[in-house]
Every structure is written in structure tokens, then in C-alpha cells.
Amino acid sequence: MVEDTSAKRPGGGKILFGLGLAAVLAALGYRAFQDGEVEETAGETADPIAVLEERVGEQPADVAAWQELAFARFERGEFTAAAAAYREAARLDPEEAVLWSALGEALVMASQRDPLPPDALAAFRKAVELDPADPRARYFLAVKRDLDGDHDGALGAWLDLMEDTPPGAPWESDLARTIEQVATINGIDVSSRLERAMAARSVQAPAAPGGAFGAGDAIPGPSAEQVAAAASMAPGEQRQMAEGMVASLESKLVADPSNVDGWVMLMRSRMTLGQPDRARKALADAVAANPAAAPRLRMQAEALGIR
């Protein structure tokens, strides 16, 4: 029988991989790519889900549309519908790890009894098969070990994830809290191991010299009101919203690959979401599309810790 570990989850209830949306929004900004227009992702007068449903109906092969519909459903607490949309996105783009890990989290939230249902577990395993660094999948696979009673193994996996977490990453504090709470409940001393894991991480690169702007400095962030609104969202909702915004940004860059600031924004967003491999791919794509801007792009990438 699986042990009930709900008391081990920060705040009880469903298990979520925390991600501070305010930091992600600051990385993404709200800049549109034409005529200096500022694009808002919230506050639309039309029902966003109705708009997205219409969009996927008209463009059923549009992966980004399915992903945006999924996170919009997730935001409303419609987890079964969110999982269905993520499943369709993953079907259309089965090599995209983040779609599988997002599907897994939606399935976790949709489950009424099992804290980690088999289809969610399969989705997380698929995600790490595609991208062993996917932080959400790694987090939940460690949750599986904890649920199975392997608390030492779970803590070891979370500590490994902490070691791979960039200093200041939005999920850093939530991950540390999970480690500390599970360790305390099970009488396991991890203080020195946690300290070593955090000390072993790479240090963020210093600001660009000579007054050159750092990565993303020219990209406006959200207003104080928008950050406050984001802070009131549940961590899972924040993650889904952030992923949808990144997917939308990426689709814009496919249409307009000459937007150098947009590529910097995408690289920074991928690093914020814990996706260094995809950040490196964004750098390669940006340089290929903008060879004249290669020195600037590489400087920005170095400032973000992209190697």
C-alpha cells in the first residue's frame, strides 16, 4: 500500500513543482514584435479559452496553440481538459520534453485519488528520456521514490536537481523547502548535503563590461500590478502560463527570425525555466539567422551562463 505522504508536501494537497512566475515574466517581458506595440497576456475582453478553442479548431496542427490552450485550462483549474490539450500537443510534437512534463503535471492535478497516476508517471519518464535535465520531470520522479518509501533516494534526486539548478532560479526556494520538509519528517539530516549541493552550483556570470547592457536589459518587464497578480497564482498555474508565453515567443521568432532582442529573451526564458539545452539551441538558431549579430548574441548567452 502506498504511504500517504500529503503532510510532506509544502502546504499539503497536490504536489507541485514551484516556479515563481514573476521572475519568468521579468525574463519574457510583454514586447510584441511589430510597431513597438506592447502585448499583454492577460486582461483580454474576449474569453481567452474560447479564442484558443477557435484557434485550434482552425489550425489543429498548431502545437503552440494547443500548449496555450492547455495552460489556460490549467489556470482555470480544468485539469482534465488541460491534460487533453497537452496530450494533443505532445502527439503533434512528441520530441518536446516540456510538453510531456506539462502533461504529467496536469494529470497529477486531475487525479482525485492517486497522487501520481501511472499515465502521469509515464509522461514524466518520457520527458526525461527526451531531456534528462527537465527539472519538473526530475522533481516528480523523485516524488515517486518518496511515495514508494525511498526517502533517501528521493532526497538524493532532489539534491542532484538542486545542484543543477542555477543560483537564483525561480524554483530554487520551493525545491529547498521540499528537501528540508521531507528530510525533517523522516528524521534524515540533509543540512550538510544541501549546503554542498547549493555550493557546487555554477555562479552567474557578471554583468557585461564597459556599460554594455546585460542579457534582456532592453526588454521591458511586467508592471508592478501584473507581478502582484502573478504572485497570487498557484505554482502550477504559474509554470503553465510561463510555458505558454515562451511557446508564443518562439513561434513569433520562427515568423521573424531577425528579431535579435527576441532571441535574447528566448534564451533567458529557457534558462529561467531550467532548460539549458533549449537555451543553447535558441542561441544556435539566433546566430544562424543573424550572423552579423553573432558577437552580441554570444555575449548575451555568456552572461546568462549558456555554454
C-alpha atoms as a PDB file:
ATOM      1  CA  MET A   1       0.000   0.000   0.000  1.00  0.00           C
ATOM      2  CA  VAL A   2       1.348   3.434  -0.921  1.00  0.00           C
ATOM      3  CA  GLU A   3       2.043   5.583   2.095  1.00  0.00           C
ATOM      4  CA  ASP A   4       0.027   8.787   2.397  1.00  0.00           C
ATOM      5  CA  THR A   5       2.664  11.498   2.247  1.00  0.00           C
ATOM      6  CA  SER A   6       0.391  14.504   1.852  1.00  0.00           C
ATOM      7  CA  ALA A   7       1.850  16.006   5.031  1.00  0.00           C
ATOM      8  CA  LYS A   8       5.233  16.057   3.311  1.00  0.00           C
ATOM      9  CA  ARG A   9       4.078  18.326   0.551  1.00  0.00           C
ATOM     10  CA  PRO A  10       4.546  22.042   1.132  1.00  0.00           C
ATOM     11  CA  GLY A  11       1.102  23.303   2.019  1.00  0.00           C
ATOM     12  CA  GLY A  12      -0.379  19.791   1.759  1.00  0.00           C
ATOM     13  CA  GLY A  13      -2.688  18.746  -1.061  1.00  0.00           C
ATOM     14  CA  LYS A  14      -1.393  18.218  -4.577  1.00  0.00           C
ATOM     15  CA  ILE A  15       2.301  18.043  -5.301  1.00  0.00           C
ATOM     16  CA  LEU A  16       3.531  20.879  -7.487  1.00  0.00           C
ATOM     17  CA  PHE A  17       6.914  21.903  -8.824  1.00  0.00           C
ATOM     18  CA  GLY A  18       7.022  25.542  -7.745  1.00  0.00           C
ATOM     19  CA  LEU A  19       8.013  28.235 -10.198  1.00  0.00           C
ATOM     20  CA  GLY A  20       7.802  31.957  -9.435  1.00  0.00           C
ATOM     21  CA  LEU A  21       6.040  33.472 -12.429  1.00  0.00           C
ATOM     22  CA  ALA A  22       7.108  36.985 -11.509  1.00  0.00           C
ATOM     23  CA  ALA A  23      10.702  36.070 -12.372  1.00  0.00           C
ATOM     24  CA  VAL A  24       9.653  34.378 -15.589  1.00  0.00           C
ATOM     25  CA  LEU A  25       7.554  37.345 -16.614  1.00  0.00           C
ATOM     26  CA  ALA A  26      10.501  39.620 -15.973  1.00  0.00           C
ATOM     27  CA  ALA A  27      12.540  37.458 -18.317  1.00  0.00           C
ATOM     28  CA  LEU A  28       9.866  37.360 -21.004  1.00  0.00           C
ATOM     29  CA  GLY A  29       8.546  40.904 -20.890  1.00  0.00           C
ATOM     30  CA  TYR A  30       5.468  41.926 -22.843  1.00  0.00           C
ATOM     31  CA  ARG A  31       7.043  43.268 -26.020  1.00  0.00           C
ATOM     32  CA  ALA A  32       5.331  42.469 -29.291  1.00  0.00           C
ATOM     33  CA  PHE A  33       7.460  42.300 -32.396  1.00  0.00           C
ATOM     34  CA  GLN A  34       5.878  44.879 -34.663  1.00  0.00           C
ATOM     35  CA  ASP A  35       5.497  48.643 -34.419  1.00  0.00           C
ATOM     36  CA  GLY A  36       6.706  48.700 -30.795  1.00  0.00           C
ATOM     37  CA  GLU A  37       3.303  47.512 -29.639  1.00  0.00           C
ATOM     38  CA  VAL A  38       3.142  46.122 -26.118  1.00  0.00           C
ATOM     39  CA  GLU A  39       1.496  42.735 -25.979  1.00  0.00           C
ATOM     40  CA  GLU A  40      -0.498  41.820 -22.890  1.00  0.00           C
ATOM     41  CA  THR A  41      -1.120  38.209 -21.988  1.00  0.00           C
ATOM     42  CA  ALA A  42      -3.995  38.900 -19.659  1.00  0.00           C
ATOM     43  CA  GLY A  43      -6.960  41.213 -19.399  1.00  0.00           C
ATOM     44  CA  GLU A  44      -8.343  40.491 -22.840  1.00  0.00           C
ATOM     45  CA  THR A  45     -12.015  41.292 -23.214  1.00  0.00           C
ATOM     46  CA  ALA A  46     -12.764  38.068 -25.101  1.00  0.00           C
ATOM     47  CA  ASP A  47     -12.755  34.746 -23.264  1.00  0.00           C
ATOM     48  CA  PRO A  48      -9.192  33.543 -23.912  1.00  0.00           C
ATOM     49  CA  ILE A  49     -10.205  29.897 -23.853  1.00  0.00           C
ATOM     50  CA  ALA A  50     -12.905  30.496 -26.457  1.00  0.00           C
ATOM     51  CA  VAL A  51     -10.342  32.273 -28.624  1.00  0.00           C
ATOM     52  CA  LEU A  52      -7.872  29.409 -28.228  1.00  0.00           C
ATOM     53  CA  GLU A  53     -10.536  26.783 -28.889  1.00  0.00           C
ATOM     54  CA  GLU A  54     -11.353  28.580 -32.117  1.00  0.00           C
ATOM     55  CA  ARG A  55      -7.675  28.755 -32.986  1.00  0.00           C
ATOM     56  CA  VAL A  56      -7.041  25.023 -32.525  1.00  0.00           C
ATOM     57  CA  GLY A  57     -10.220  24.319 -34.454  1.00  0.00           C
ATOM     58  CA  GLU A  58      -8.919  26.351 -37.383  1.00  0.00           C
ATOM     59  CA  GLN A  59      -5.286  25.225 -37.012  1.00  0.00           C
ATOM     60  CA  PRO A  60      -5.376  21.736 -35.464  1.00  0.00           C
ATOM     61  CA  ALA A  61      -1.675  21.165 -36.213  1.00  0.00           C
ATOM     62  CA  ASP A  62      -0.555  24.303 -34.312  1.00  0.00           C
ATOM     63  CA  VAL A  63       1.411  22.943 -31.340  1.00  0.00           C
ATOM     64  CA  ALA A  64       1.780  26.357 -29.690  1.00  0.00           C
ATOM     65  CA  ALA A  65      -1.984  26.872 -29.821  1.00  0.00           C
ATOM     66  CA  TRP A  66      -2.624  23.553 -28.086  1.00  0.00           C
ATOM     67  CA  GLN A  67       0.001  24.387 -25.474  1.00  0.00           C
ATOM     68  CA  GLU A  68      -1.524  27.806 -24.806  1.00  0.00           C
ATOM     69  CA  LEU A  69      -4.991  26.239 -24.562  1.00  0.00           C
ATOM     70  CA  ALA A  70      -3.608  23.699 -22.108  1.00  0.00           C
ATOM     71  CA  PHE A  71      -2.099  26.242 -19.752  1.00  0.00           C
ATOM     72  CA  ALA A  72      -5.248  28.391 -19.977  1.00  0.00           C
ATOM     73  CA  ARG A  73      -7.320  25.374 -18.949  1.00  0.00           C
ATOM     74  CA  PHE A  74      -4.834  24.595 -16.190  1.00  0.00           C
ATOM     75  CA  GLU A  75      -5.071  28.178 -14.933  1.00  0.00           C
ATOM     76  CA  ARG A  76      -8.825  27.783 -14.537  1.00  0.00           C
ATOM     77  CA  GLY A  77      -8.421  24.545 -12.642  1.00  0.00           C
ATOM     78  CA  GLU A  78      -9.759  22.496 -15.557  1.00  0.00           C
ATOM     79  CA  PHE A  79      -7.028  19.915 -15.209  1.00  0.00           C
ATOM     80  CA  THR A  80      -8.611  17.087 -17.190  1.00  0.00           C
ATOM     81  CA  ALA A  81      -9.168  19.423 -20.146  1.00  0.00           C
ATOM     82  CA  ALA A  82      -5.654  20.805 -19.733  1.00  0.00           C
ATOM     83  CA  ALA A  83      -4.239  17.286 -19.857  1.00  0.00           C
ATOM     84  CA  ALA A  84      -6.218  16.551 -23.015  1.00  0.00           C
ATOM     85  CA  ALA A  85      -4.780  19.644 -24.706  1.00  0.00           C
ATOM     86  CA  TYR A  86      -1.246  18.832 -23.585  1.00  0.00           C
ATOM     87  CA  ARG A  87      -1.703  15.283 -24.847  1.00  0.00           C
ATOM     88  CA  GLU A  88      -2.628  16.632 -28.274  1.00  0.00           C
ATOM     89  CA  ALA A  89       0.370  18.998 -28.241  1.00  0.00           C
ATOM     90  CA  ALA A  90       2.655  16.098 -27.328  1.00  0.00           C
ATOM     91  CA  ARG A  91       1.137  13.985 -30.083  1.00  0.00           C
ATOM     92  CA  LEU A  92       1.907  16.708 -32.597  1.00  0.00           C
ATOM     93  CA  ASP A  93       5.432  17.314 -31.262  1.00  0.00           C
ATOM     94  CA  PRO A  94       6.435  14.091 -29.483  1.00  0.00           C
ATOM     95  CA  GLU A  95      10.110  15.062 -29.224  1.00  0.00           C
ATOM     96  CA  GLU A  96       9.409  18.090 -26.998  1.00  0.00           C
ATOM     97  CA  ALA A  97      10.169  17.123 -23.406  1.00  0.00           C
ATOM     98  CA  VAL A  98       8.428  20.085 -21.800  1.00  0.00           C
ATOM     99  CA  LEU A  99       5.095  19.036 -23.322  1.00  0.00           C
ATOM    100  CA  TRP A 100       5.374  15.621 -21.699  1.00  0.00           C
ATOM    101  CA  SER A 101       6.322  17.005 -18.295  1.00  0.00           C
ATOM    102  CA  ALA A 102       3.494  19.547 -18.509  1.00  0.00           C
ATOM    103  CA  LEU A 103       1.115  16.724 -19.421  1.00  0.00           C
ATOM    104  CA  GLY A 104       2.326  14.783 -16.402  1.00  0.00           C
ATOM    105  CA  GLU A 105       1.677  17.665 -14.016  1.00  0.00           C
ATOM    106  CA  ALA A 106      -1.805  18.235 -15.459  1.00  0.00           C
ATOM    107  CA  LEU A 107      -2.573  14.544 -14.946  1.00  0.00           C
ATOM    108  CA  VAL A 108      -1.346  14.756 -11.355  1.00  0.00           C
ATOM    109  CA  MET A 109      -3.667  17.678 -10.722  1.00  0.00           C
ATOM    110  CA  ALA A 110      -6.585  15.944 -12.451  1.00  0.00           C
ATOM    111  CA  SER A 111      -6.243  12.806 -10.337  1.00  0.00           C
ATOM    112  CA  GLN A 112      -8.726  12.582  -7.476  1.00  0.00           C
ATOM    113  CA  ARG A 113      -7.138   9.620  -5.673  1.00  0.00           C
ATOM    114  CA  ASP A 114      -3.704   8.647  -6.890  1.00  0.00           C
ATOM    115  CA  PRO A 115      -1.098  11.340  -6.055  1.00  0.00           C
ATOM    116  CA  LEU A 116       0.995  10.183  -9.014  1.00  0.00           C
ATOM    117  CA  PRO A 117      -1.135   8.215 -11.518  1.00  0.00           C
ATOM    118  CA  PRO A 118       0.518   5.797 -13.959  1.00  0.00           C
ATOM    119  CA  ASP A 119      -0.129   7.935 -17.051  1.00  0.00           C
ATOM    120  CA  ALA A 120       1.464  10.940 -15.336  1.00  0.00           C
ATOM    121  CA  LEU A 121       4.464   8.835 -14.354  1.00  0.00           C
ATOM    122  CA  ALA A 122       4.788   7.608 -17.930  1.00  0.00           C
ATOM    123  CA  ALA A 123       4.724  11.211 -19.169  1.00  0.00           C
ATOM    124  CA  PHE A 124       7.485  12.242 -16.760  1.00  0.00           C
ATOM    125  CA  ARG A 125       9.595   9.267 -17.823  1.00  0.00           C
ATOM    126  CA  LYS A 126       9.104  10.207 -21.455  1.00  0.00           C
ATOM    127  CA  ALA A 127      10.184  13.772 -20.657  1.00  0.00           C
ATOM    128  CA  VAL A 128      13.471  12.724 -19.050  1.00  0.00           C
ATOM    129  CA  GLU A 129      14.073  10.270 -21.882  1.00  0.00           C
ATOM    130  CA  LEU A 130      13.948  13.238 -24.253  1.00  0.00           C
ATOM    131  CA  ASP A 131      15.655  15.717 -21.931  1.00  0.00           C
ATOM    132  CA  PRO A 132      17.379  14.272 -18.854  1.00  0.00           C
ATOM    133  CA  ALA A 133      17.697  17.813 -17.473  1.00  0.00           C
ATOM    134  CA  ASP A 134      13.939  18.569 -17.456  1.00  0.00           C
ATOM    135  CA  PRO A 135      13.549  19.887 -13.887  1.00  0.00           C
ATOM    136  CA  ARG A 136       9.834  19.244 -13.476  1.00  0.00           C
ATOM    137  CA  ALA A 137      10.048  15.628 -14.621  1.00  0.00           C
ATOM    138  CA  ARG A 138      13.064  15.051 -12.388  1.00  0.00           C
ATOM    139  CA  TYR A 139      11.186  16.569  -9.464  1.00  0.00           C
ATOM    140  CA  PHE A 140       8.151  14.329  -9.901  1.00  0.00           C
ATOM    141  CA  LEU A 141      10.191  11.191 -10.476  1.00  0.00           C
ATOM    142  CA  ALA A 142      11.810  11.908  -7.119  1.00  0.00           C
ATOM    143  CA  VAL A 143       8.310  12.346  -5.683  1.00  0.00           C
ATOM    144  CA  LYS A 144       7.575   8.805  -6.918  1.00  0.00           C
ATOM    145  CA  ARG A 145      10.527   7.490  -4.945  1.00  0.00           C
ATOM    146  CA  ASP A 146       9.313   9.324  -1.849  1.00  0.00           C
ATOM    147  CA  LEU A 147       5.810   7.922  -2.265  1.00  0.00           C
ATOM    148  CA  ASP A 148       7.290   4.423  -2.558  1.00  0.00           C
ATOM    149  CA  GLY A 149       9.081   4.890   0.768  1.00  0.00           C
ATOM    150  CA  ASP A 150      12.556   5.500  -0.659  1.00  0.00           C
ATOM    151  CA  HIS A 151      13.021   8.790   1.153  1.00  0.00           C
ATOM    152  CA  ASP A 152      16.812   8.720   0.923  1.00  0.00           C
ATOM    153  CA  GLY A 153      16.597   8.108  -2.818  1.00  0.00           C
ATOM    154  CA  ALA A 154      14.073  10.918  -3.264  1.00  0.00           C
ATOM    155  CA  LEU A 155      16.192  13.337  -1.285  1.00  0.00           C
ATOM    156  CA  GLY A 156      19.273  12.344  -3.275  1.00  0.00           C
ATOM    157  CA  ALA A 157      17.442  13.020  -6.543  1.00  0.00           C
ATOM    158  CA  TRP A 158      16.168  16.381  -5.299  1.00  0.00           C
ATOM    159  CA  LEU A 159      19.669  17.296  -4.116  1.00  0.00           C
ATOM    160  CA  ASP A 160      21.026  16.406  -7.557  1.00  0.00           C
ATOM    161  CA  LEU A 161      18.358  18.645  -9.056  1.00  0.00           C
ATOM    162  CA  MET A 162      19.347  21.412  -6.660  1.00  0.00           C
ATOM    163  CA  GLU A 163      22.976  21.062  -7.758  1.00  0.00           C
ATOM    164  CA  ASP A 164      21.849  21.529 -11.376  1.00  0.00           C
ATOM    165  CA  THR A 165      19.595  24.475 -10.507  1.00  0.00           C
ATOM    166  CA  PRO A 166      21.103  27.850 -11.492  1.00  0.00           C
ATOM    167  CA  PRO A 167      21.574  30.164  -8.492  1.00  0.00           C
ATOM    168  CA  GLY A 168      18.519  32.374  -8.147  1.00  0.00           C
ATOM    169  CA  ALA A 169      16.301  30.157 -10.311  1.00  0.00           C
ATOM    170  CA  PRO A 170      12.605  30.779  -9.552  1.00  0.00           C
ATOM    171  CA  TRP A 171      12.011  27.253  -8.234  1.00  0.00           C
ATOM    172  CA  GLU A 172      15.114  27.217  -6.013  1.00  0.00           C
ATOM    173  CA  SER A 173      13.415  28.118  -2.723  1.00  0.00           C
ATOM    174  CA  ASP A 174      10.491  25.708  -3.285  1.00  0.00           C
ATOM    175  CA  LEU A 175      12.896  22.868  -4.027  1.00  0.00           C
ATOM    176  CA  ALA A 176      14.983  23.615  -0.937  1.00  0.00           C
ATOM    177  CA  ARG A 177      11.826  23.739   1.183  1.00  0.00           C
ATOM    178  CA  THR A 178      10.676  20.357  -0.161  1.00  0.00           C
ATOM    179  CA  ILE A 179      14.054  18.816   0.639  1.00  0.00           C
ATOM    180  CA  GLU A 180      14.059  20.250   4.158  1.00  0.00           C
ATOM    181  CA  GLN A 181      10.469  19.240   4.935  1.00  0.00           C
ATOM    182  CA  VAL A 182      10.735  15.669   3.667  1.00  0.00           C
ATOM    183  CA  ALA A 183      14.044  15.265   5.489  1.00  0.00           C
ATOM    184  CA  THR A 184      12.608  16.599   8.748  1.00  0.00           C
ATOM    185  CA  ILE A 185       9.501  14.407   8.616  1.00  0.00           C
ATOM    186  CA  ASN A 186      11.604  11.320   8.023  1.00  0.00           C
ATOM    187  CA  GLY A 187      14.336  12.179  10.525  1.00  0.00           C
ATOM    188  CA  ILE A 188      17.069  12.499   7.901  1.00  0.00           C
ATOM    189  CA  ASP A 189      19.783  15.123   8.319  1.00  0.00           C
ATOM    190  CA  VAL A 190      20.463  16.736   4.924  1.00  0.00           C
ATOM    191  CA  SER A 191      21.763  20.100   6.072  1.00  0.00           C
ATOM    192  CA  SER A 192      25.374  19.490   5.040  1.00  0.00           C
ATOM    193  CA  ARG A 193      24.350  17.746   1.780  1.00  0.00           C
ATOM    194  CA  LEU A 194      22.024  20.600   0.886  1.00  0.00           C
ATOM    195  CA  GLU A 195      24.757  23.125   1.646  1.00  0.00           C
ATOM    196  CA  ARG A 196      27.197  21.217  -0.581  1.00  0.00           C
ATOM    197  CA  ALA A 197      24.660  20.915  -3.396  1.00  0.00           C
ATOM    198  CA  MET A 198      23.983  24.635  -3.371  1.00  0.00           C
ATOM    199  CA  ALA A 199      27.687  25.489  -3.146  1.00  0.00           C
ATOM    200  CA  ALA A 200      28.512  23.217  -6.097  1.00  0.00           C
ATOM    201  CA  ARG A 201      26.335  25.145  -8.489  1.00  0.00           C
ATOM    202  CA  SER A 202      27.754  27.431 -11.131  1.00  0.00           C
ATOM    203  CA  VAL A 203      27.847  31.110 -10.274  1.00  0.00           C
ATOM    204  CA  GLN A 204      26.005  33.527 -12.505  1.00  0.00           C
ATOM    205  CA  ALA A 205      28.238  35.425 -14.924  1.00  0.00           C
ATOM    206  CA  PRO A 206      28.914  39.084 -14.027  1.00  0.00           C
ATOM    207  CA  ALA A 207      27.249  41.911 -15.824  1.00  0.00           C
ATOM    208  CA  ALA A 208      28.599  42.794 -19.247  1.00  0.00           C
ATOM    209  CA  PRO A 209      31.629  45.102 -19.017  1.00  0.00           C
ATOM    210  CA  GLY A 210      32.019  48.574 -20.399  1.00  0.00           C
ATOM    211  CA  GLY A 211      28.456  49.595 -19.769  1.00  0.00           C
ATOM    212  CA  ALA A 212      27.068  47.169 -22.363  1.00  0.00           C
ATOM    213  CA  PHE A 213      23.606  46.042 -21.450  1.00  0.00           C
ATOM    214  CA  GLY A 214      23.218  42.620 -19.876  1.00  0.00           C
ATOM    215  CA  ALA A 215      21.024  39.912 -21.299  1.00  0.00           C
ATOM    216  CA  GLY A 216      17.475  41.123 -21.502  1.00  0.00           C
ATOM    217  CA  ASP A 217      18.162  44.598 -20.127  1.00  0.00           C
ATOM    218  CA  ALA A 218      16.484  46.225 -23.110  1.00  0.00           C
ATOM    219  CA  ILE A 219      13.388  44.100 -22.713  1.00  0.00           C
ATOM    220  CA  PRO A 220      10.680  45.642 -20.553  1.00  0.00           C
ATOM    221  CA  GLY A 221       9.276  43.541 -17.750  1.00  0.00           C
ATOM    222  CA  PRO A 222       5.741  43.446 -16.361  1.00  0.00           C
ATOM    223  CA  SER A 223       4.232  46.217 -14.316  1.00  0.00           C
ATOM    224  CA  ALA A 224       4.074  46.006 -10.534  1.00  0.00           C
ATOM    225  CA  GLU A 225       0.347  45.235 -10.817  1.00  0.00           C
ATOM    226  CA  GLN A 226       0.984  42.359 -13.217  1.00  0.00           C
ATOM    227  CA  VAL A 227       3.677  40.894 -10.968  1.00  0.00           C
ATOM    228  CA  ALA A 228       1.326  41.146  -7.983  1.00  0.00           C
ATOM    229  CA  ALA A 229      -1.404  39.356  -9.923  1.00  0.00           C
ATOM    230  CA  ALA A 230       1.033  36.614 -10.941  1.00  0.00           C
ATOM    231  CA  ALA A 231       2.161  36.157  -7.349  1.00  0.00           C
ATOM    232  CA  SER A 232      -1.382  35.176  -6.359  1.00  0.00           C
ATOM    233  CA  MET A 233      -1.420  32.244  -8.791  1.00  0.00           C
ATOM    234  CA  ALA A 234      -0.658  28.692  -7.715  1.00  0.00           C
ATOM    235  CA  PRO A 235       2.826  27.442  -8.693  1.00  0.00           C
ATOM    236  CA  GLY A 236       1.467  25.003 -11.273  1.00  0.00           C
ATOM    237  CA  GLU A 237      -0.594  27.742 -12.885  1.00  0.00           C
ATOM    238  CA  GLN A 238       2.480  29.947 -12.994  1.00  0.00           C
ATOM    239  CA  ARG A 239       4.508  27.260 -14.749  1.00  0.00           C
ATOM    240  CA  GLN A 240       1.832  26.632 -17.360  1.00  0.00           C
ATOM    241  CA  MET A 241       1.414  30.332 -18.070  1.00  0.00           C
ATOM    242  CA  ALA A 242       5.168  30.788 -18.383  1.00  0.00           C
ATOM    243  CA  GLU A 243       5.495  27.868 -20.786  1.00  0.00           C
ATOM    244  CA  GLY A 244       2.684  29.176 -22.944  1.00  0.00           C
ATOM    245  CA  MET A 245       4.328  32.588 -23.115  1.00  0.00           C
ATOM    246  CA  VAL A 246       7.640  31.010 -24.125  1.00  0.00           C
ATOM    247  CA  ALA A 247       5.903  28.917 -26.793  1.00  0.00           C
ATOM    248  CA  SER A 248       4.223  32.033 -28.155  1.00  0.00           C
ATOM    249  CA  LEU A 249       7.542  33.880 -28.194  1.00  0.00           C
ATOM    250  CA  GLU A 250       9.224  31.002 -30.019  1.00  0.00           C
ATOM    251  CA  SER A 251       6.504  30.922 -32.672  1.00  0.00           C
ATOM    252  CA  LYS A 252       6.945  34.675 -33.240  1.00  0.00           C
ATOM    253  CA  LEU A 253      10.664  34.174 -33.762  1.00  0.00           C
ATOM    254  CA  VAL A 254      10.009  31.491 -36.353  1.00  0.00           C
ATOM    255  CA  ALA A 255       7.982  34.106 -38.243  1.00  0.00           C
ATOM    256  CA  ASP A 256      10.523  36.898 -37.613  1.00  0.00           C
ATOM    257  CA  PRO A 257      13.982  35.382 -37.003  1.00  0.00           C
ATOM    258  CA  SER A 258      15.679  38.768 -37.483  1.00  0.00           C
ATOM    259  CA  ASN A 259      14.495  39.960 -34.057  1.00  0.00           C
ATOM    260  CA  VAL A 260      17.732  39.786 -32.049  1.00  0.00           C
ATOM    261  CA  ASP A 261      16.172  41.083 -28.822  1.00  0.00           C
ATOM    262  CA  GLY A 262      13.541  38.388 -29.142  1.00  0.00           C
ATOM    263  CA  TRP A 263      16.223  35.689 -29.334  1.00  0.00           C
ATOM    264  CA  VAL A 264      17.900  37.091 -26.206  1.00  0.00           C
ATOM    265  CA  MET A 265      14.522  36.996 -24.486  1.00  0.00           C
ATOM    266  CA  LEU A 266      14.015  33.377 -25.539  1.00  0.00           C
ATOM    267  CA  MET A 267      17.457  32.331 -24.310  1.00  0.00           C
ATOM    268  CA  ARG A 268      16.871  33.978 -20.955  1.00  0.00           C
ATOM    269  CA  SER A 269      13.414  32.430 -20.673  1.00  0.00           C
ATOM    270  CA  ARG A 270      14.740  28.941 -21.388  1.00  0.00           C
ATOM    271  CA  MET A 271      17.374  29.335 -18.684  1.00  0.00           C
ATOM    272  CA  THR A 272      14.746  30.636 -16.259  1.00  0.00           C
ATOM    273  CA  LEU A 273      12.631  27.547 -16.952  1.00  0.00           C
ATOM    274  CA  GLY A 274      15.629  25.292 -16.324  1.00  0.00           C
ATOM    275  CA  GLN A 275      16.094  24.292 -19.977  1.00  0.00           C
ATOM    276  CA  PRO A 276      19.791  24.950 -20.758  1.00  0.00           C
ATOM    277  CA  ASP A 277      19.816  22.605 -23.765  1.00  0.00           C
ATOM    278  CA  ARG A 278      16.964  24.525 -25.358  1.00  0.00           C
ATOM    279  CA  ALA A 279      18.677  27.803 -24.486  1.00  0.00           C
ATOM    280  CA  ARG A 280      21.745  26.593 -26.378  1.00  0.00           C
ATOM    281  CA  LYS A 281      19.557  25.658 -29.334  1.00  0.00           C
ATOM    282  CA  ALA A 282      17.996  29.133 -29.276  1.00  0.00           C
ATOM    283  CA  LEU A 283      21.496  30.619 -29.398  1.00  0.00           C
ATOM    284  CA  ALA A 284      22.447  28.435 -32.371  1.00  0.00           C
ATOM    285  CA  ASP A 285      19.229  29.326 -34.208  1.00  0.00           C
ATOM    286  CA  ALA A 286      19.701  33.020 -33.434  1.00  0.00           C
ATOM    287  CA  VAL A 287      23.268  33.054 -34.741  1.00  0.00           C
ATOM    288  CA  ALA A 288      22.265  31.130 -37.871  1.00  0.00           C
ATOM    289  CA  ALA A 289      19.504  33.663 -38.595  1.00  0.00           C
ATOM    290  CA  ASN A 290      21.581  36.726 -37.641  1.00  0.00           C
ATOM    291  CA  PRO A 291      25.272  36.074 -38.370  1.00  0.00           C
ATOM    292  CA  ALA A 292      26.127  39.784 -38.176  1.00  0.00           C
ATOM    293  CA  ALA A 293      24.794  39.875 -34.600  1.00  0.00           C
ATOM    294  CA  ALA A 294      26.668  36.722 -33.545  1.00  0.00           C
ATOM    295  CA  PRO A 295      29.162  38.515 -31.227  1.00  0.00           C
ATOM    296  CA  ARG A 296      26.372  40.292 -29.380  1.00  0.00           C
ATOM    297  CA  LEU A 297      24.271  37.122 -29.120  1.00  0.00           C
ATOM    298  CA  ARG A 298      27.184  35.124 -27.771  1.00  0.00           C
ATOM    299  CA  MET A 299      27.963  37.856 -25.240  1.00  0.00           C
ATOM    300  CA  GLN A 300      24.369  37.762 -24.015  1.00  0.00           C
ATOM    301  CA  ALA A 301      24.448  33.962 -23.873  1.00  0.00           C
ATOM    302  CA  GLU A 302      27.648  34.026 -21.808  1.00  0.00           C
ATOM    303  CA  ALA A 303      26.063  36.491 -19.379  1.00  0.00           C
ATOM    304  CA  LEU A 304      23.182  34.048 -18.954  1.00  0.00           C
ATOM    305  CA  GLY A 305      25.502  31.136 -18.262  1.00  0.00           C
ATOM    306  CA  ILE A 306      24.811  29.398 -21.593  1.00  0.00           C
ATOM    307  CA  ARG A 307      27.801  27.303 -22.596  1.00  0.00           C
END
